[in-house]
Protein backbone atom coordinates (compact mmCIF):
# COMPACT_ATOMS: atom_id res chain seq x y z
CA MET A 1 0.00 0.00 0.00
CA SER A 2 1.40 3.40 -1.00
CA VAL A 3 2.40 5.84 1.70
CA LEU A 4 0.28 9.00 1.41
CA PRO A 5 1.05 12.56 2.47
CA THR A 6 -0.51 13.63 5.76
CA LEU A 7 -2.84 16.62 6.04
CA ARG A 8 -0.26 18.32 8.26
CA GLN A 9 2.42 17.97 5.57
CA LEU A 10 0.07 19.42 2.96
CA GLN A 11 -0.80 22.27 5.30
CA TYR A 12 2.90 23.01 5.85
CA LEU A 13 3.47 23.18 2.10
CA LYS A 14 0.45 25.45 1.57
CA LEU A 15 1.66 27.83 4.27
CA LEU A 16 5.17 27.79 2.82
CA ALA A 17 3.76 28.77 -0.58
CA GLU A 18 1.70 31.57 0.97
CA HIS A 19 4.44 33.07 3.15
CA GLY A 20 7.54 32.38 1.05
CA SER A 21 9.74 31.57 4.03
CA PHE A 22 10.16 28.69 6.47
CA SER A 23 10.20 30.98 9.52
CA ARG A 24 6.95 32.80 8.64
CA ALA A 25 5.24 29.55 7.59
CA ALA A 26 6.27 27.92 10.89
CA GLU A 27 4.90 30.90 12.81
CA ALA A 28 1.57 30.64 10.94
CA ALA A 29 1.44 26.89 11.66
CA HIS A 30 2.29 27.47 15.35
CA VAL A 31 5.21 25.03 15.17
CA SER A 32 8.99 25.38 15.30
CA GLN A 33 10.89 25.99 12.06
CA PRO A 34 12.73 22.63 12.31
CA ALA A 35 9.38 20.83 12.73
CA LEU A 36 7.95 22.48 9.62
CA SER A 37 11.14 21.86 7.62
CA SER A 38 11.08 18.20 8.69
CA GLY A 39 7.46 17.88 7.60
CA VAL A 40 8.21 19.32 4.17
CA GLN A 41 11.20 17.00 3.77
CA GLU A 42 9.03 14.00 4.66
CA LEU A 43 6.49 15.15 2.06
CA GLU A 44 9.29 15.23 -0.52
CA ARG A 45 10.26 11.67 0.40
CA VAL A 46 6.63 10.52 0.00
CA LEU A 47 6.30 12.25 -3.39
CA GLY A 48 9.75 11.20 -4.52
CA ALA A 49 10.61 14.70 -5.75
CA PRO A 50 11.61 18.07 -4.27
CA VAL A 51 8.74 20.52 -3.76
CA VAL A 52 10.81 23.62 -2.98
CA GLU A 53 14.13 25.10 -4.00
CA ARG A 54 15.92 26.37 -0.91
CA THR A 55 17.83 29.52 -1.81
CA ARG A 56 19.25 32.18 0.47
CA GLY A 57 16.48 34.51 1.56
CA ALA A 58 13.76 32.90 -0.60
CA VAL A 59 11.72 29.76 -1.06
CA ILE A 60 10.75 28.86 -4.63
CA LEU A 61 8.27 26.10 -5.47
CA THR A 62 9.33 23.49 -7.99
CA ALA A 63 6.88 22.39 -10.70
CA VAL A 64 5.98 19.39 -8.51
CA GLY A 65 5.59 21.71 -5.53
CA ALA A 66 3.27 24.10 -7.39
CA GLU A 67 1.06 21.23 -8.51
CA ALA A 68 1.11 19.77 -4.98
CA VAL A 69 -0.02 23.13 -3.55
CA ARG A 70 -2.88 23.34 -6.05
CA ARG A 71 -4.11 19.87 -5.12
CA ALA A 72 -3.42 20.39 -1.40
CA GLU A 73 -5.69 23.45 -1.36
CA ASP A 74 -8.58 21.31 -2.62
CA VAL A 75 -7.85 18.46 -0.19
CA LEU A 76 -7.58 20.81 2.80
CA ALA A 77 -10.73 22.71 1.78
CA ARG A 78 -12.73 19.49 1.53
CA THR A 79 -11.36 18.28 4.87
CA GLU A 80 -12.35 21.54 6.52
CA ASP A 81 -15.79 21.20 4.92
CA LEU A 82 -16.07 17.75 6.49
CA VAL A 83 -15.24 19.07 9.97
CA GLU A 84 -17.66 22.01 9.63
CA ALA A 85 -20.44 19.73 8.37
CA ALA A 86 -19.92 17.27 11.24
CA GLN A 87 -19.86 20.00 13.88
CA ASN A 88 -22.98 21.70 12.53
CA ALA A 89 -24.96 18.59 11.58
CA GLY A 90 -28.67 19.37 11.95
CA LYS A 91 -27.91 23.04 12.67
CA PRO A 92 -27.83 24.92 9.35
CA LEU A 93 -26.04 28.26 9.25
CA SER A 94 -24.58 27.94 12.72
CA GLY A 95 -20.99 28.42 13.77
CA ARG A 96 -18.40 30.13 11.59
CA PHE A 97 -19.36 31.04 8.03
CA ARG A 98 -16.89 32.98 5.85
CA LEU A 99 -18.70 35.12 3.30
CA GLY A 100 -17.10 37.17 0.55
CA ILE A 101 -18.98 40.01 -1.15
CA ILE A 102 -18.14 42.41 -3.97
CA PRO A 103 -17.80 46.16 -3.18
CA THR A 104 -20.61 47.21 -5.54
CA VAL A 105 -23.08 45.10 -3.52
CA ALA A 106 -21.81 45.04 0.09
CA PRO A 107 -22.79 48.54 1.32
CA PHE A 108 -26.27 48.33 -0.19
CA LEU A 109 -27.28 44.72 0.53
CA LEU A 110 -25.77 43.98 3.95
CA PRO A 111 -27.24 46.79 6.10
CA ARG A 112 -30.81 45.80 5.27
CA THR A 113 -30.40 42.02 5.35
CA LEU A 114 -27.97 41.25 8.18
CA PRO A 115 -30.38 42.03 11.06
CA GLY A 116 -32.98 39.60 9.67
CA LEU A 117 -30.29 36.99 9.01
CA LYS A 118 -29.15 37.18 12.63
CA THR A 119 -32.75 36.72 13.79
CA LEU A 120 -33.26 33.70 11.55
CA TYR A 121 -29.95 32.07 12.48
CA PRO A 122 -28.86 33.27 15.94
CA GLY A 123 -26.04 30.72 16.09
CA LEU A 124 -24.40 32.05 12.91
CA ARG A 125 -20.97 33.69 13.26
CA LEU A 126 -20.53 35.52 9.99
CA PHE A 127 -17.06 36.63 8.89
CA ILE A 128 -17.28 39.02 5.93
CA ARG A 129 -14.55 39.79 3.40
CA GLU A 130 -15.17 42.52 0.80
CA ASP A 131 -13.11 42.08 -2.36
CA LEU A 132 -13.20 41.97 -6.16
CA THR A 133 -14.74 38.95 -7.90
CA PRO A 134 -11.53 37.25 -9.13
CA ARG A 135 -10.06 37.19 -5.62
CA LEU A 136 -13.33 35.97 -4.10
CA ILE A 137 -13.51 33.11 -6.63
CA ALA A 138 -9.90 32.20 -5.80
CA GLY A 139 -10.82 32.26 -2.10
CA LEU A 140 -13.73 29.88 -2.70
CA LYS A 141 -11.57 27.44 -4.61
CA ALA A 142 -8.80 27.57 -2.00
CA GLY A 143 -11.24 26.91 0.84
CA GLN A 144 -10.65 30.35 2.39
CA LEU A 145 -14.32 31.30 1.91
CA ASP A 146 -17.51 29.26 2.34
CA ALA A 147 -19.56 31.38 -0.08
CA ALA A 148 -19.46 34.72 -1.88
CA VAL A 149 -22.00 37.24 -3.13
CA ILE A 150 -21.03 38.12 -6.70
CA ALA A 151 -22.69 39.45 -9.86
CA LEU A 152 -23.21 37.50 -13.08
CA PRO A 153 -22.43 37.16 -15.90
CA TYR A 154 -18.97 36.01 -14.82
CA ASP A 155 -17.11 32.97 -16.11
CA ALA A 156 -16.17 30.82 -13.11
CA PRO A 157 -15.77 27.07 -13.79
CA GLY A 158 -16.11 24.87 -10.72
CA ILE A 159 -18.45 27.32 -8.98
CA ASP A 160 -22.18 26.79 -8.30
CA HIS A 161 -24.60 29.55 -7.35
CA ALA A 162 -28.10 30.44 -6.13
CA HIS A 163 -30.10 33.46 -7.25
CA ILE A 164 -30.58 36.48 -4.94
CA GLY A 165 -32.12 38.89 -7.44
CA ASP A 166 -31.65 41.00 -10.55
CA ASP A 167 -30.15 44.48 -10.35
CA GLU A 168 -30.75 46.94 -13.19
CA ILE A 169 -27.76 48.91 -14.46
CA LEU A 170 -28.60 52.63 -14.79
CA ALA A 171 -26.84 55.65 -16.26
CA ALA A 172 -25.83 58.66 -14.15
CA ALA A 173 -25.10 62.05 -15.74
CA PRO A 174 -24.31 65.54 -14.40
CA VAL A 175 -27.13 68.07 -14.33
CA GLY A 176 -26.99 70.07 -17.54
CA HIS A 177 -25.33 67.28 -19.54
CA ALA A 178 -26.88 66.27 -22.87
CA LEU A 179 -27.75 62.89 -21.34
CA ALA A 180 -29.37 64.34 -18.21
CA GLY A 181 -32.89 63.78 -19.48
CA ALA A 182 -35.79 61.46 -18.72
CA GLY A 183 -36.56 57.99 -20.01
CA PRO A 184 -34.22 55.54 -21.76
CA ILE A 185 -31.14 56.98 -23.48
CA PRO A 186 -31.64 57.17 -27.27
CA GLU A 187 -29.46 54.71 -29.16
CA GLY A 188 -26.10 56.11 -30.18
CA MET A 189 -26.08 59.02 -27.70
CA LEU A 190 -23.87 57.30 -25.13
CA LYS A 191 -20.23 57.72 -26.15
CA ALA A 192 -17.04 56.21 -24.75
CA ASP A 193 -15.45 59.66 -24.49
CA ASP A 194 -18.15 60.74 -22.00
CA LEU A 195 -17.58 57.80 -19.63
CA ILE A 196 -15.91 57.69 -16.26
CA LEU A 197 -15.80 54.19 -14.80
CA LEU A 198 -14.78 52.03 -11.89
CA GLU A 199 -11.19 50.84 -12.08
CA ASP A 200 -10.42 47.62 -13.94
CA GLY A 201 -11.31 44.50 -11.95
CA HIS A 202 -14.81 45.57 -10.94
CA CYS A 203 -17.25 43.28 -12.73
CA LEU A 204 -19.90 46.06 -12.86
CA ARG A 205 -17.59 47.98 -15.20
CA ASP A 206 -17.39 45.11 -17.71
CA GLN A 207 -21.07 44.19 -17.40
CA ALA A 208 -22.20 47.77 -18.04
CA LEU A 209 -19.88 48.24 -21.04
CA ALA A 210 -21.06 44.93 -22.51
CA ALA A 211 -24.70 46.01 -22.06
CA VAL A 212 -24.19 49.17 -24.13
CA ASN A 213 -21.67 47.56 -26.51
CA ILE A 214 -18.98 50.17 -25.86
CA GLU A 215 -15.27 49.57 -25.35
CA ALA A 216 -13.68 51.11 -22.28
CA PRO A 217 -12.04 54.51 -22.89
CA ARG A 218 -8.25 54.21 -23.03
CA GLY A 219 -5.33 56.51 -22.35
CA GLU A 220 -3.22 57.81 -19.49
CA ASP A 221 -5.71 60.58 -18.66
CA VAL A 222 -8.72 58.25 -18.27
CA PHE A 223 -10.18 58.51 -14.78
CA ALA A 224 -10.93 55.25 -12.91
CA ALA A 225 -12.75 55.35 -9.56
CA THR A 226 -12.03 52.94 -6.73
CA SER A 227 -15.62 53.00 -5.44
CA LEU A 228 -19.16 53.89 -6.45
CA HIS A 229 -19.16 56.72 -3.89
CA THR A 230 -16.16 58.32 -5.61
CA LEU A 231 -17.79 57.76 -9.00
CA VAL A 232 -20.94 59.64 -7.97
CA GLN A 233 -18.84 62.55 -6.69
CA MET A 234 -17.05 62.73 -10.03
CA VAL A 235 -20.35 62.68 -11.94
CA SER A 236 -21.75 65.39 -9.66
CA SER A 237 -18.66 67.49 -10.38
CA GLY A 238 -19.42 67.34 -14.10
CA LEU A 239 -16.50 65.11 -15.08
CA GLY A 240 -18.57 62.67 -17.13
CA VAL A 241 -21.27 60.01 -17.33
CA SER A 242 -21.20 56.66 -15.58
CA PHE A 243 -23.17 53.56 -14.58
CA LEU A 244 -24.78 52.75 -11.23
CA PRO A 245 -26.52 49.62 -9.96
CA GLN A 246 -30.16 50.09 -9.04
CA MET A 247 -29.57 48.82 -5.49
CA ALA A 248 -27.13 51.69 -4.92
CA VAL A 249 -29.62 54.24 -6.29
CA LYS A 250 -32.37 52.82 -4.05
CA ALA A 251 -30.02 53.13 -1.08
CA GLY A 252 -29.68 56.86 -1.81
CA LEU A 253 -26.18 56.90 -3.27
CA ALA A 254 -27.20 59.20 -6.15
CA ASP A 255 -29.31 61.55 -4.00
CA SER A 256 -27.33 64.58 -5.11
CA PRO A 257 -28.71 67.72 -6.79
CA GLY A 258 -25.89 67.44 -9.29
CA VAL A 259 -26.73 63.94 -10.56
CA VAL A 260 -29.49 62.69 -12.86
CA VAL A 261 -30.16 58.94 -13.06
CA ARG A 262 -31.99 57.42 -16.03
CA PRO A 263 -32.49 54.01 -17.70
CA ILE A 264 -29.88 52.98 -20.24
CA SER A 265 -32.32 51.41 -22.72
CA GLU A 266 -35.81 49.99 -23.10
CA ASP A 267 -34.62 46.44 -22.37
CA ALA A 268 -33.07 47.55 -19.04
CA PRO A 269 -29.70 45.74 -18.82
CA ARG A 270 -29.28 43.88 -15.55
CA ARG A 271 -26.71 41.98 -13.57
CA GLU A 272 -27.72 38.88 -11.61
CA ILE A 273 -26.74 38.91 -7.93
CA VAL A 274 -26.02 35.41 -6.59
CA VAL A 275 -24.52 33.52 -3.69
CA ALA A 276 -21.69 31.38 -5.11
CA TRP A 277 -19.79 28.45 -3.61
CA ARG A 278 -17.23 25.85 -4.66
CA ALA A 279 -18.85 22.93 -6.50
CA GLY A 280 -18.95 19.95 -4.16
CA SER A 281 -18.78 22.01 -0.98
CA SER A 282 -20.52 20.45 2.01
CA ARG A 283 -21.88 23.92 2.81
CA ALA A 284 -23.82 24.19 -0.45
CA ALA A 285 -27.18 23.72 1.30
CA GLU A 286 -26.31 26.48 3.75
CA ALA A 287 -25.25 28.77 0.89
CA ARG A 288 -28.68 28.22 -0.68
CA LEU A 289 -30.34 29.13 2.63
CA LEU A 290 -28.19 32.24 2.76
CA ALA A 291 -29.33 33.23 -0.74
CA GLU A 292 -32.96 32.92 0.37
CA ALA A 293 -32.27 35.14 3.40
CA LEU A 294 -30.52 37.78 1.23
CA LYS A 295 -33.20 37.93 -1.48
CA LEU A 296 -33.66 41.31 -3.14
CA ASP A 297 -37.13 42.86 -3.03
């Protein structure tokens, strides 16, 4: 019978990859540096190949090591799922639950849904991480998150999801601008040169541009906002036209005398807000319950 790596050895390797040094990885694992080094060496004996190159001041993964880390993340995530499922058997949404959420949803969805969620599931200990979609998806796959609230369309193989609601994408223009009218924007009036957008990496940016079939403006002098709040301030200052999600408008984000909000088109482009989780996760049923609790009106 083949000798298999232990979970501890895989965890040591994962921490080594994350921290890039034996001393910092040992500190994160709460063990001595010799103990961690010994564990990694034993893993190399089991695999029959080196997993790291030990150079002065740096630790570099070998090709075998990189592949081992990728597989170890999945094994460790599934093992953690098993422990969580066993501890919370018969008690859905209790104990620790790590939830990611994108910045263009978090400040508008959470304040009105978290109180009811706490009432429904008083044993739930929710840990929230706000981040961009690519990093949240990576966190799901690495087992660092149990679920994430993201917006579709977004290509994410290996991820399942449950529907929360649809969120219309609207246009926001400065008062006095040619687009600061009423009703849907006439076709052809919205120009790339007028646009100010969220910085690259925000899925709302790509979803809105795809909806109006416009390429993002390019150049060194193109403004890119880090948040929707900054974007609204820029629109109010007359710097250009942008896109806002309906949930943000309903929450009062665009309640400024300098901003006019109007539909983009008759067919009202929308993004789908979902709770996503890693396919095969033992917390899938809880993620579905969470989606029900977070439903949009």
